[in-house]
Amino acid sequence: MYKVKLRKSGQIYIPKWMRSEIDFKAGEFINIIFDGENMILSKKKEITNENQCILSQKGTLHIPIEIRRMCKFDEECTFKVLIDKKENELILLTEKKLLNIQVV
């Protein structure tokens, strides 16, 4: 598993190799989905009622304050990242949420 860190400004830096794995390109709209347990970053076009942010040239994505508050992400929270190549998504998990996942 890989890690990314939420900065005080609410931005997450997604490394270039990770963006390449799931085909995220600068300037694209990225959907930010909170499903109760995970935060999912996806660019699926059929999702229209979720929060969207534009991926910057430098690979940063701003997570809106509403999502950070709803998810109770504190300043400089660190996430474990799961890469779902099939769905072209990044799944972000906090340390406490990882404790609820059972490895089979």
PDB file of N, CA and C in Angstrom:
ATOM      1  N   MET A   1       0.834  -1.187   0.000  1.00  0.00           N
ATOM      2  CA  MET A   1       0.000   0.000   0.000  1.00  0.00           C
ATOM      3  C   MET A   1       0.875   1.246   0.000  1.00  0.00           C
ATOM      4  N   TYR A   2       0.321   2.306  -0.515  1.00  0.00           N
ATOM      5  CA  TYR A   2       1.035   3.570  -0.637  1.00  0.00           C
ATOM      6  C   TYR A   2       0.332   4.610   0.231  1.00  0.00           C
ATOM      7  N   LYS A   3       1.015   5.709   0.510  1.00  0.00           N
ATOM      8  CA  LYS A   3       0.451   6.748   1.360  1.00  0.00           C
ATOM      9  C   LYS A   3       0.457   8.095   0.651  1.00  0.00           C
ATOM     10  N   VAL A   4      -0.564   8.896   0.949  1.00  0.00           N
ATOM     11  CA  VAL A   4      -0.605  10.301   0.554  1.00  0.00           C
ATOM     12  C   VAL A   4      -1.023  11.099   1.783  1.00  0.00           C
ATOM     13  N   LYS A   5      -0.682  12.371   1.789  1.00  0.00           N
ATOM     14  CA  LYS A   5      -0.947  13.203   2.952  1.00  0.00           C
ATOM     15  C   LYS A   5      -1.829  14.386   2.565  1.00  0.00           C
ATOM     16  N   LEU A   6      -2.825  14.647   3.388  1.00  0.00           N
ATOM     17  CA  LEU A   6      -3.686  15.809   3.211  1.00  0.00           C
ATOM     18  C   LEU A   6      -2.977  16.997   3.840  1.00  0.00           C
ATOM     19  N   ARG A   7      -2.730  18.018   3.049  1.00  0.00           N
ATOM     20  CA  ARG A   7      -2.050  19.215   3.550  1.00  0.00           C
ATOM     21  C   ARG A   7      -3.046  20.117   4.276  1.00  0.00           C
ATOM     22  N   LYS A   8      -2.523  21.063   5.031  1.00  0.00           N
ATOM     23  CA  LYS A   8      -3.378  22.010   5.752  1.00  0.00           C
ATOM     24  C   LYS A   8      -4.303  22.765   4.814  1.00  0.00           C
ATOM     25  N   SER A   9      -3.860  22.983   3.584  1.00  0.00           N
ATOM     26  CA  SER A   9      -4.657  23.712   2.586  1.00  0.00           C
ATOM     27  C   SER A   9      -5.800  22.866   2.029  1.00  0.00           C
ATOM     28  N   GLY A  10      -5.838  21.569   2.363  1.00  0.00           N
ATOM     29  CA  GLY A  10      -6.885  20.682   1.863  1.00  0.00           C
ATOM     30  C   GLY A  10      -6.506  19.987   0.568  1.00  0.00           C
ATOM     31  N   GLN A  11      -5.237  20.073   0.187  1.00  0.00           N
ATOM     32  CA  GLN A  11      -4.796  19.449  -1.054  1.00  0.00           C
ATOM     33  C   GLN A  11      -4.117  18.110  -0.797  1.00  0.00           C
ATOM     34  N   ILE A  12      -4.273  17.233  -1.761  1.00  0.00           N
ATOM     35  CA  ILE A  12      -3.591  15.945  -1.772  1.00  0.00           C
ATOM     36  C   ILE A  12      -2.727  15.916  -3.017  1.00  0.00           C
ATOM     37  N   TYR A  13      -1.477  15.503  -2.861  1.00  0.00           N
ATOM     38  CA  TYR A  13      -0.597  15.338  -4.013  1.00  0.00           C
ATOM     39  C   TYR A  13      -0.654  13.880  -4.441  1.00  0.00           C
ATOM     40  N   ILE A  14      -0.999  13.652  -5.702  1.00  0.00           N
ATOM     41  CA  ILE A  14      -1.035  12.303  -6.262  1.00  0.00           C
ATOM     42  C   ILE A  14       0.206  12.149  -7.135  1.00  0.00           C
ATOM     43  N   PRO A  15       1.139  11.285  -6.748  1.00  0.00           N
ATOM     44  CA  PRO A  15       2.381  11.137  -7.512  1.00  0.00           C
ATOM     45  C   PRO A  15       2.128  10.780  -8.979  1.00  0.00           C
ATOM     46  N   LYS A  16       3.064  11.187  -9.824  1.00  0.00           N
ATOM     47  CA  LYS A  16       2.917  10.991 -11.268  1.00  0.00           C
ATOM     48  C   LYS A  16       2.719   9.525 -11.635  1.00  0.00           C
ATOM     49  N   TRP A  17       3.481   8.634 -11.023  1.00  0.00           N
ATOM     50  CA  TRP A  17       3.360   7.212 -11.360  1.00  0.00           C
ATOM     51  C   TRP A  17       1.967   6.694 -11.018  1.00  0.00           C
ATOM     52  N   MET A  18       1.374   7.223  -9.931  1.00  0.00           N
ATOM     53  CA  MET A  18       0.045   6.798  -9.516  1.00  0.00           C
ATOM     54  C   MET A  18      -1.000   7.326 -10.497  1.00  0.00           C
ATOM     55  N   ARG A  19      -0.832   8.575 -10.947  1.00  0.00           N
ATOM     56  CA  ARG A  19      -1.749   9.158 -11.941  1.00  0.00           C
ATOM     57  C   ARG A  19      -1.692   8.371 -13.242  1.00  0.00           C
ATOM     58  N   SER A  20      -0.501   7.929 -13.613  1.00  0.00           N
ATOM     59  CA  SER A  20      -0.345   7.135 -14.844  1.00  0.00           C
ATOM     60  C   SER A  20      -1.037   5.789 -14.743  1.00  0.00           C
ATOM     61  N   GLU A  21      -0.955   5.172 -13.569  1.00  0.00           N
ATOM     62  CA  GLU A  21      -1.576   3.849 -13.355  1.00  0.00           C
ATOM     63  C   GLU A  21      -3.082   3.872 -13.611  1.00  0.00           C
ATOM     64  N   ILE A  22      -3.732   4.986 -13.244  1.00  0.00           N
ATOM     65  CA  ILE A  22      -5.190   5.052 -13.374  1.00  0.00           C
ATOM     66  C   ILE A  22      -5.639   6.079 -14.412  1.00  0.00           C
ATOM     67  N   ASP A  23      -4.691   6.589 -15.195  1.00  0.00           N
ATOM     68  CA  ASP A  23      -4.981   7.465 -16.326  1.00  0.00           C
ATOM     69  C   ASP A  23      -5.648   8.778 -15.916  1.00  0.00           C
ATOM     70  N   PHE A  24      -5.171   9.398 -14.817  1.00  0.00           N
ATOM     71  CA  PHE A  24      -5.609  10.742 -14.437  1.00  0.00           C
ATOM     72  C   PHE A  24      -4.689  11.730 -15.135  1.00  0.00           C
ATOM     73  N   LYS A  25      -5.268  12.720 -15.796  1.00  0.00           N
ATOM     74  CA  LYS A  25      -4.479  13.729 -16.505  1.00  0.00           C
ATOM     75  C   LYS A  25      -4.794  15.121 -15.960  1.00  0.00           C
ATOM     76  N   ALA A  26      -3.804  15.990 -15.988  1.00  0.00           N
ATOM     77  CA  ALA A  26      -3.976  17.366 -15.530  1.00  0.00           C
ATOM     78  C   ALA A  26      -5.113  18.028 -16.295  1.00  0.00           C
ATOM     79  N   GLY A  27      -5.930  18.792 -15.578  1.00  0.00           N
ATOM     80  CA  GLY A  27      -7.046  19.499 -16.191  1.00  0.00           C
ATOM     81  C   GLY A  27      -8.348  18.721 -16.218  1.00  0.00           C
ATOM     82  N   GLU A  28      -8.303  17.431 -15.870  1.00  0.00           N
ATOM     83  CA  GLU A  28      -9.527  16.616 -15.866  1.00  0.00           C
ATOM     84  C   GLU A  28     -10.301  16.824 -14.566  1.00  0.00           C
ATOM     85  N   PHE A  29     -11.619  16.661 -14.678  1.00  0.00           N
ATOM     86  CA  PHE A  29     -12.452  16.667 -13.484  1.00  0.00           C
ATOM     87  C   PHE A  29     -12.336  15.314 -12.804  1.00  0.00           C
ATOM     88  N   ILE A  30     -12.090  15.347 -11.505  1.00  0.00           N
ATOM     89  CA  ILE A  30     -12.005  14.138 -10.700  1.00  0.00           C
ATOM     90  C   ILE A  30     -13.163  14.166  -9.712  1.00  0.00           C
ATOM     91  N   ASN A  31     -13.942  13.104  -9.670  1.00  0.00           N
ATOM     92  CA  ASN A  31     -15.048  12.975  -8.720  1.00  0.00           C
ATOM     93  C   ASN A  31     -14.488  12.561  -7.373  1.00  0.00           C
ATOM     94  N   ILE A  32     -14.985  13.201  -6.326  1.00  0.00           N
ATOM     95  CA  ILE A  32     -14.602  12.851  -4.959  1.00  0.00           C
ATOM     96  C   ILE A  32     -15.848  12.276  -4.306  1.00  0.00           C
ATOM     97  N   ILE A  33     -15.795  10.995  -4.018  1.00  0.00           N
ATOM     98  CA  ILE A  33     -16.958  10.268  -3.507  1.00  0.00           C
ATOM     99  C   ILE A  33     -16.639   9.782  -2.099  1.00  0.00           C
ATOM    100  N   PHE A  34     -17.542  10.028  -1.183  1.00  0.00           N
ATOM    101  CA  PHE A  34     -17.411   9.500   0.173  1.00  0.00           C
ATOM    102  C   PHE A  34     -18.528   8.502   0.366  1.00  0.00           C
ATOM    103  N   ASP A  35     -18.166   7.233   0.584  1.00  0.00           N
ATOM    104  CA  ASP A  35     -19.195   6.194   0.680  1.00  0.00           C
ATOM    105  C   ASP A  35     -19.476   5.741   2.109  1.00  0.00           C
ATOM    106  N   GLY A  36     -19.071   6.533   3.083  1.00  0.00           N
ATOM    107  CA  GLY A  36     -19.305   6.173   4.471  1.00  0.00           C
ATOM    108  C   GLY A  36     -18.093   5.536   5.120  1.00  0.00           C
ATOM    109  N   GLU A  37     -17.285   4.876   4.354  1.00  0.00           N
ATOM    110  CA  GLU A  37     -16.077   4.234   4.869  1.00  0.00           C
ATOM    111  C   GLU A  37     -14.818   4.726   4.167  1.00  0.00           C
ATOM    112  N   ASN A  38     -14.912   4.990   2.894  1.00  0.00           N
ATOM    113  CA  ASN A  38     -13.749   5.345   2.084  1.00  0.00           C
ATOM    114  C   ASN A  38     -14.004   6.635   1.322  1.00  0.00           C
ATOM    115  N   MET A  39     -12.917   7.265   0.899  1.00  0.00           N
ATOM    116  CA  MET A  39     -13.020   8.369  -0.041  1.00  0.00           C
ATOM    117  C   MET A  39     -12.452   7.843  -1.351  1.00  0.00           C
ATOM    118  N   ILE A  40     -13.222   7.961  -2.410  1.00  0.00           N
ATOM    119  CA  ILE A  40     -12.835   7.411  -3.704  1.00  0.00           C
ATOM    120  C   ILE A  40     -12.641   8.564  -4.689  1.00  0.00           C
ATOM    121  N   LEU A  41     -11.528   8.503  -5.417  1.00  0.00           N
ATOM    122  CA  LEU A  41     -11.247   9.478  -6.470  1.00  0.00           C
ATOM    123  C   LEU A  41     -11.432   8.767  -7.798  1.00  0.00           C
ATOM    124  N   SER A  42     -12.334   9.280  -8.620  1.00  0.00           N
ATOM    125  CA  SER A  42     -12.693   8.627  -9.876  1.00  0.00           C
ATOM    126  C   SER A  42     -12.985   9.685 -10.930  1.00  0.00           C
ATOM    127  N   LYS A  43     -12.818   9.329 -12.206  1.00  0.00           N
ATOM    128  CA  LYS A  43     -13.191  10.262 -13.266  1.00  0.00           C
ATOM    129  C   LYS A  43     -14.320   9.718 -14.132  1.00  0.00           C
ATOM    130  N   LYS A  44     -15.108   8.804 -13.591  1.00  0.00           N
ATOM    131  CA  LYS A  44     -16.243   8.258 -14.328  1.00  0.00           C
ATOM    132  C   LYS A  44     -17.224   9.359 -14.678  1.00  0.00           C
ATOM    133  N   LYS A  45     -17.623   9.405 -15.913  1.00  0.00           N
ATOM    134  CA  LYS A  45     -18.502  10.470 -16.399  1.00  0.00           C
ATOM    135  C   LYS A  45     -19.952  10.280 -15.960  1.00  0.00           C
ATOM    136  N   GLU A  46     -20.353   9.047 -15.672  1.00  0.00           N
ATOM    137  CA  GLU A  46     -21.746   8.812 -15.292  1.00  0.00           C
ATOM    138  C   GLU A  46     -22.063   9.290 -13.880  1.00  0.00           C
ATOM    139  N   ILE A  47     -21.040   9.656 -13.119  1.00  0.00           N
ATOM    140  CA  ILE A  47     -21.253  10.186 -11.770  1.00  0.00           C
ATOM    141  C   ILE A  47     -21.398  11.695 -11.903  1.00  0.00           C
ATOM    142  N   THR A  48     -22.582  12.215 -11.573  1.00  0.00           N
ATOM    143  CA  THR A  48     -22.802  13.648 -11.760  1.00  0.00           C
ATOM    144  C   THR A  48     -23.159  14.381 -10.479  1.00  0.00           C
ATOM    145  N   ASN A  49     -23.589  13.680  -9.444  1.00  0.00           N
ATOM    146  CA  ASN A  49     -24.054  14.377  -8.250  1.00  0.00           C
ATOM    147  C   ASN A  49     -23.033  14.392  -7.115  1.00  0.00           C
ATOM    148  N   GLU A  50     -21.806  14.107  -7.421  1.00  0.00           N
ATOM    149  CA  GLU A  50     -20.757  14.123  -6.408  1.00  0.00           C
ATOM    150  C   GLU A  50     -19.923  15.385  -6.557  1.00  0.00           C
ATOM    151  N   ASN A  51     -19.042  15.630  -5.612  1.00  0.00           N
ATOM    152  CA  ASN A  51     -18.116  16.750  -5.708  1.00  0.00           C
ATOM    153  C   ASN A  51     -17.087  16.474  -6.788  1.00  0.00           C
ATOM    154  N   GLN A  52     -16.764  17.501  -7.540  1.00  0.00           N
ATOM    155  CA  GLN A  52     -15.744  17.381  -8.574  1.00  0.00           C
ATOM    156  C   GLN A  52     -14.701  18.468  -8.369  1.00  0.00           C
ATOM    157  N   CYS A  53     -13.453  18.123  -8.604  1.00  0.00           N
ATOM    158  CA  CYS A  53     -12.355  19.065  -8.562  1.00  0.00           C
ATOM    159  C   CYS A  53     -11.477  18.804  -9.774  1.00  0.00           C
ATOM    160  N   ILE A  54     -10.718  19.817 -10.156  1.00  0.00           N
ATOM    161  CA  ILE A  54      -9.833  19.679 -11.301  1.00  0.00           C
ATOM    162  C   ILE A  54      -8.443  19.305 -10.819  1.00  0.00           C
ATOM    163  N   LEU A  55      -7.851  18.295 -11.444  1.00  0.00           N
ATOM    164  CA  LEU A  55      -6.492  17.874 -11.123  1.00  0.00           C
ATOM    165  C   LEU A  55      -5.521  18.895 -11.698  1.00  0.00           C
ATOM    166  N   SER A  56      -4.638  19.416 -10.868  1.00  0.00           N
ATOM    167  CA  SER A  56      -3.708  20.454 -11.316  1.00  0.00           C
ATOM    168  C   SER A  56      -2.563  19.872 -12.139  1.00  0.00           C
ATOM    169  N   GLN A  57      -1.822  20.754 -12.788  1.00  0.00           N
ATOM    170  CA  GLN A  57      -0.646  20.344 -13.575  1.00  0.00           C
ATOM    171  C   GLN A  57       0.386  19.639 -12.701  1.00  0.00           C
ATOM    172  N   LYS A  58       0.457  20.019 -11.439  1.00  0.00           N
ATOM    173  CA  LYS A  58       1.449  19.443 -10.522  1.00  0.00           C
ATOM    174  C   LYS A  58       0.963  18.177  -9.830  1.00  0.00           C
ATOM    175  N   GLY A  59      -0.268  17.767 -10.122  1.00  0.00           N
ATOM    176  CA  GLY A  59      -0.781  16.531  -9.541  1.00  0.00           C
ATOM    177  C   GLY A  59      -1.490  16.702  -8.221  1.00  0.00           C
ATOM    178  N   THR A  60      -1.899  17.929  -7.896  1.00  0.00           N
ATOM    179  CA  THR A  60      -2.621  18.134  -6.645  1.00  0.00           C
ATOM    180  C   THR A  60      -4.117  18.209  -6.896  1.00  0.00           C
ATOM    181  N   LEU A  61      -4.849  17.800  -5.892  1.00  0.00           N
ATOM    182  CA  LEU A  61      -6.302  17.799  -5.940  1.00  0.00           C
ATOM    183  C   LEU A  61      -6.795  18.402  -4.637  1.00  0.00           C
ATOM    184  N   HIS A  62      -7.676  19.383  -4.722  1.00  0.00           N
ATOM    185  CA  HIS A  62      -8.191  20.037  -3.524  1.00  0.00           C
ATOM    186  C   HIS A  62      -9.440  19.303  -3.041  1.00  0.00           C
ATOM    187  N   ILE A  63      -9.414  18.841  -1.801  1.00  0.00           N
ATOM    188  CA  ILE A  63     -10.568  18.175  -1.194  1.00  0.00           C
ATOM    189  C   ILE A  63     -11.402  19.255  -0.508  1.00  0.00           C
ATOM    190  N   PRO A  64     -12.638  19.485  -0.937  1.00  0.00           N
ATOM    191  CA  PRO A  64     -13.462  20.555  -0.360  1.00  0.00           C
ATOM    192  C   PRO A  64     -13.622  20.421   1.151  1.00  0.00           C
ATOM    193  N   ILE A  65     -13.723  21.564   1.805  1.00  0.00           N
ATOM    194  CA  ILE A  65     -13.853  21.602   3.259  1.00  0.00           C
ATOM    195  C   ILE A  65     -15.078  20.827   3.738  1.00  0.00           C
ATOM    196  N   GLU A  66     -16.151  20.824   2.951  1.00  0.00           N
ATOM    197  CA  GLU A  66     -17.360  20.094   3.352  1.00  0.00           C
ATOM    198  C   GLU A  66     -17.066  18.607   3.510  1.00  0.00           C
ATOM    199  N   ILE A  67     -16.308  18.062   2.576  1.00  0.00           N
ATOM    200  CA  ILE A  67     -15.958  16.638   2.651  1.00  0.00           C
ATOM    201  C   ILE A  67     -15.019  16.392   3.818  1.00  0.00           C
ATOM    202  N   ARG A  68     -14.042  17.276   4.002  1.00  0.00           N
ATOM    203  CA  ARG A  68     -13.103  17.098   5.119  1.00  0.00           C
ATOM    204  C   ARG A  68     -13.824  17.130   6.454  1.00  0.00           C
ATOM    205  N   ARG A  69     -14.796  18.006   6.588  1.00  0.00           N
ATOM    206  CA  ARG A  69     -15.564  18.078   7.844  1.00  0.00           C
ATOM    207  C   ARG A  69     -16.451  16.857   8.019  1.00  0.00           C
ATOM    208  N   MET A  70     -17.156  16.475   6.946  1.00  0.00           N
ATOM    209  CA  MET A  70     -18.060  15.328   7.002  1.00  0.00           C
ATOM    210  C   MET A  70     -17.298  14.044   7.354  1.00  0.00           C
ATOM    211  N   CYS A  71     -16.107  13.899   6.788  1.00  0.00           N
ATOM    212  CA  CYS A  71     -15.300  12.705   7.004  1.00  0.00           C
ATOM    213  C   CYS A  71     -14.449  12.795   8.264  1.00  0.00           C
ATOM    214  N   LYS A  72     -14.446  13.980   8.883  1.00  0.00           N
ATOM    215  CA  LYS A  72     -13.645  14.222  10.089  1.00  0.00           C
ATOM    216  C   LYS A  72     -12.163  14.019   9.828  1.00  0.00           C
ATOM    217  N   PHE A  73     -11.703  14.507   8.665  1.00  0.00           N
ATOM    218  CA  PHE A  73     -10.280  14.467   8.346  1.00  0.00           C
ATOM    219  C   PHE A  73      -9.630  15.660   9.012  1.00  0.00           C
ATOM    220  N   ASP A  74      -8.713  15.410   9.928  1.00  0.00           N
ATOM    221  CA  ASP A  74      -8.027  16.508  10.575  1.00  0.00           C
ATOM    222  C   ASP A  74      -6.858  16.977   9.718  1.00  0.00           C
ATOM    223  N   GLU A  75      -6.246  18.084  10.131  1.00  0.00           N
ATOM    224  CA  GLU A  75      -5.141  18.654   9.363  1.00  0.00           C
ATOM    225  C   GLU A  75      -4.008  17.656   9.215  1.00  0.00           C
ATOM    226  N   GLU A  76      -3.487  17.606   8.035  1.00  0.00           N
ATOM    227  CA  GLU A  76      -2.358  16.759   7.678  1.00  0.00           C
ATOM    228  C   GLU A  76      -2.613  15.271   7.961  1.00  0.00           C
ATOM    229  N   CYS A  77      -3.805  14.827   7.664  1.00  0.00           N
ATOM    230  CA  CYS A  77      -4.197  13.427   7.782  1.00  0.00           C
ATOM    231  C   CYS A  77      -3.454  12.605   6.713  1.00  0.00           C
ATOM    232  N   THR A  78      -3.009  11.425   7.079  1.00  0.00           N
ATOM    233  CA  THR A  78      -2.333  10.541   6.133  1.00  0.00           C
ATOM    234  C   THR A  78      -3.279   9.425   5.729  1.00  0.00           C
ATOM    235  N   PHE A  79      -3.276   9.116   4.433  1.00  0.00           N
ATOM    236  CA  PHE A  79      -4.146   8.078   3.889  1.00  0.00           C
ATOM    237  C   PHE A  79      -3.326   6.951   3.287  1.00  0.00           C
ATOM    238  N   LYS A  80      -3.818   5.754   3.427  1.00  0.00           N
ATOM    239  CA  LYS A  80      -3.318   4.621   2.657  1.00  0.00           C
ATOM    240  C   LYS A  80      -4.092   4.631   1.347  1.00  0.00           C
ATOM    241  N   VAL A  81      -3.411   4.342   0.258  1.00  0.00           N
ATOM    242  CA  VAL A  81      -4.047   4.403  -1.066  1.00  0.00           C
ATOM    243  C   VAL A  81      -4.089   3.019  -1.693  1.00  0.00           C
ATOM    244  N   LEU A  82      -5.271   2.625  -2.098  1.00  0.00           N
ATOM    245  CA  LEU A  82      -5.450   1.411  -2.877  1.00  0.00           C
ATOM    246  C   LEU A  82      -5.716   1.846  -4.316  1.00  0.00           C
ATOM    247  N   ILE A  83      -5.052   1.221  -5.254  1.00  0.00           N
ATOM    248  CA  ILE A  83      -5.233   1.544  -6.668  1.00  0.00           C
ATOM    249  C   ILE A  83      -6.113   0.471  -7.296  1.00  0.00           C
ATOM    250  N   ASP A  84      -7.244   0.887  -7.813  1.00  0.00           N
ATOM    251  CA  ASP A  84      -8.151  -0.030  -8.498  1.00  0.00           C
ATOM    252  C   ASP A  84      -8.011   0.224 -10.000  1.00  0.00           C
ATOM    253  N   LYS A  85      -7.151  -0.549 -10.663  1.00  0.00           N
ATOM    254  CA  LYS A  85      -6.894  -0.352 -12.093  1.00  0.00           C
ATOM    255  C   LYS A  85      -8.114  -0.680 -12.940  1.00  0.00           C
ATOM    256  N   LYS A  86      -8.893  -1.663 -12.510  1.00  0.00           N
ATOM    257  CA  LYS A  86     -10.074  -2.068 -13.267  1.00  0.00           C
ATOM    258  C   LYS A  86     -11.079  -0.918 -13.361  1.00  0.00           C
ATOM    259  N   GLU A  87     -11.294  -0.221 -12.251  1.00  0.00           N
ATOM    260  CA  GLU A  87     -12.258   0.879 -12.204  1.00  0.00           C
ATOM    261  C   GLU A  87     -11.604   2.244 -12.427  1.00  0.00           C
ATOM    262  N   ASN A  88     -10.277   2.274 -12.565  1.00  0.00           N
ATOM    263  CA  ASN A  88      -9.524   3.539 -12.685  1.00  0.00           C
ATOM    264  C   ASN A  88      -9.860   4.488 -11.541  1.00  0.00           C
ATOM    265  N   GLU A  89      -9.683   3.991 -10.317  1.00  0.00           N
ATOM    266  CA  GLU A  89      -9.995   4.766  -9.124  1.00  0.00           C
ATOM    267  C   GLU A  89      -8.869   4.648  -8.104  1.00  0.00           C
ATOM    268  N   LEU A  90      -8.786   5.679  -7.278  1.00  0.00           N
ATOM    269  CA  LEU A  90      -7.948   5.625  -6.089  1.00  0.00           C
ATOM    270  C   LEU A  90      -8.884   5.561  -4.898  1.00  0.00           C
ATOM    271  N   ILE A  91      -8.612   4.651  -3.976  1.00  0.00           N
ATOM    272  CA  ILE A  91      -9.418   4.526  -2.769  1.00  0.00           C
ATOM    273  C   ILE A  91      -8.532   4.954  -1.613  1.00  0.00           C
ATOM    274  N   LEU A  92      -8.970   5.999  -0.879  1.00  0.00           N
ATOM    275  CA  LEU A  92      -8.186   6.549   0.220  1.00  0.00           C
ATOM    276  C   LEU A  92      -8.781   6.094   1.541  1.00  0.00           C
ATOM    277  N   LEU A  93      -7.931   5.515   2.381  1.00  0.00           N
ATOM    278  CA  LEU A  93      -8.350   5.008   3.686  1.00  0.00           C
ATOM    279  C   LEU A  93      -7.515   5.653   4.777  1.00  0.00           C
ATOM    280  N   THR A  94      -8.165   6.103   5.854  1.00  0.00           N
ATOM    281  CA  THR A  94      -7.406   6.598   6.999  1.00  0.00           C
ATOM    282  C   THR A  94      -6.945   5.402   7.822  1.00  0.00           C
ATOM    283  N   GLU A  95      -6.005   5.636   8.704  1.00  0.00           N
ATOM    284  CA  GLU A  95      -5.473   4.556   9.541  1.00  0.00           C
ATOM    285  C   GLU A  95      -6.579   3.856  10.327  1.00  0.00           C
ATOM    286  N   LYS A  96      -7.495   4.619  10.924  1.00  0.00           N
ATOM    287  CA  LYS A  96      -8.549   3.999  11.737  1.00  0.00           C
ATOM    288  C   LYS A  96      -9.493   3.157  10.891  1.00  0.00           C
ATOM    289  N   LYS A  97      -9.730   3.556   9.639  1.00  0.00           N
ATOM    290  CA  LYS A  97     -10.610   2.783   8.774  1.00  0.00           C
ATOM    291  C   LYS A  97      -9.938   1.492   8.316  1.00  0.00           C
ATOM    292  N   LEU A  98      -8.625   1.490   8.269  1.00  0.00           N
ATOM    293  CA  LEU A  98      -7.915   0.279   7.893  1.00  0.00           C
ATOM    294  C   LEU A  98      -8.100  -0.833   8.905  1.00  0.00           C
ATOM    295  N   LEU A  99      -8.331  -0.481  10.153  1.00  0.00           N
ATOM    296  CA  LEU A  99      -8.509  -1.488  11.198  1.00  0.00           C
ATOM    297  C   LEU A  99      -9.770  -2.321  10.977  1.00  0.00           C
ATOM    298  N   ASN A 100     -10.746  -1.765  10.240  1.00  0.00           N
ATOM    299  CA  ASN A 100     -12.007  -2.463   9.999  1.00  0.00           C
ATOM    300  C   ASN A 100     -11.962  -3.381   8.782  1.00  0.00           C
ATOM    301  N   ILE A 101     -10.860  -3.346   8.022  1.00  0.00           N
ATOM    302  CA  ILE A 101     -10.748  -4.161   6.817  1.00  0.00           C
ATOM    303  C   ILE A 101     -10.083  -5.483   7.175  1.00  0.00           C
ATOM    304  N   GLN A 102     -10.722  -6.548   6.787  1.00  0.00           N
ATOM    305  CA  GLN A 102     -10.153  -7.864   7.043  1.00  0.00           C
ATOM    306  C   GLN A 102      -9.457  -8.365   5.792  1.00  0.00           C
ATOM    307  N   VAL A 103      -8.237  -8.818   5.958  1.00  0.00           N
ATOM    308  CA  VAL A 103      -7.491  -9.376   4.836  1.00  0.00           C
ATOM    309  C   VAL A 103      -7.777 -10.864   4.775  1.00  0.00           C
ATOM    310  N   VAL A 104      -8.209 -11.325   3.606  1.00  0.00           N
ATOM    311  CA  VAL A 104      -8.570 -12.738   3.450  1.00  0.00           C
ATOM    312  C   VAL A 104      -7.441 -13.464   2.762  1.00  0.00           C
TER     313      VAL A 104
END
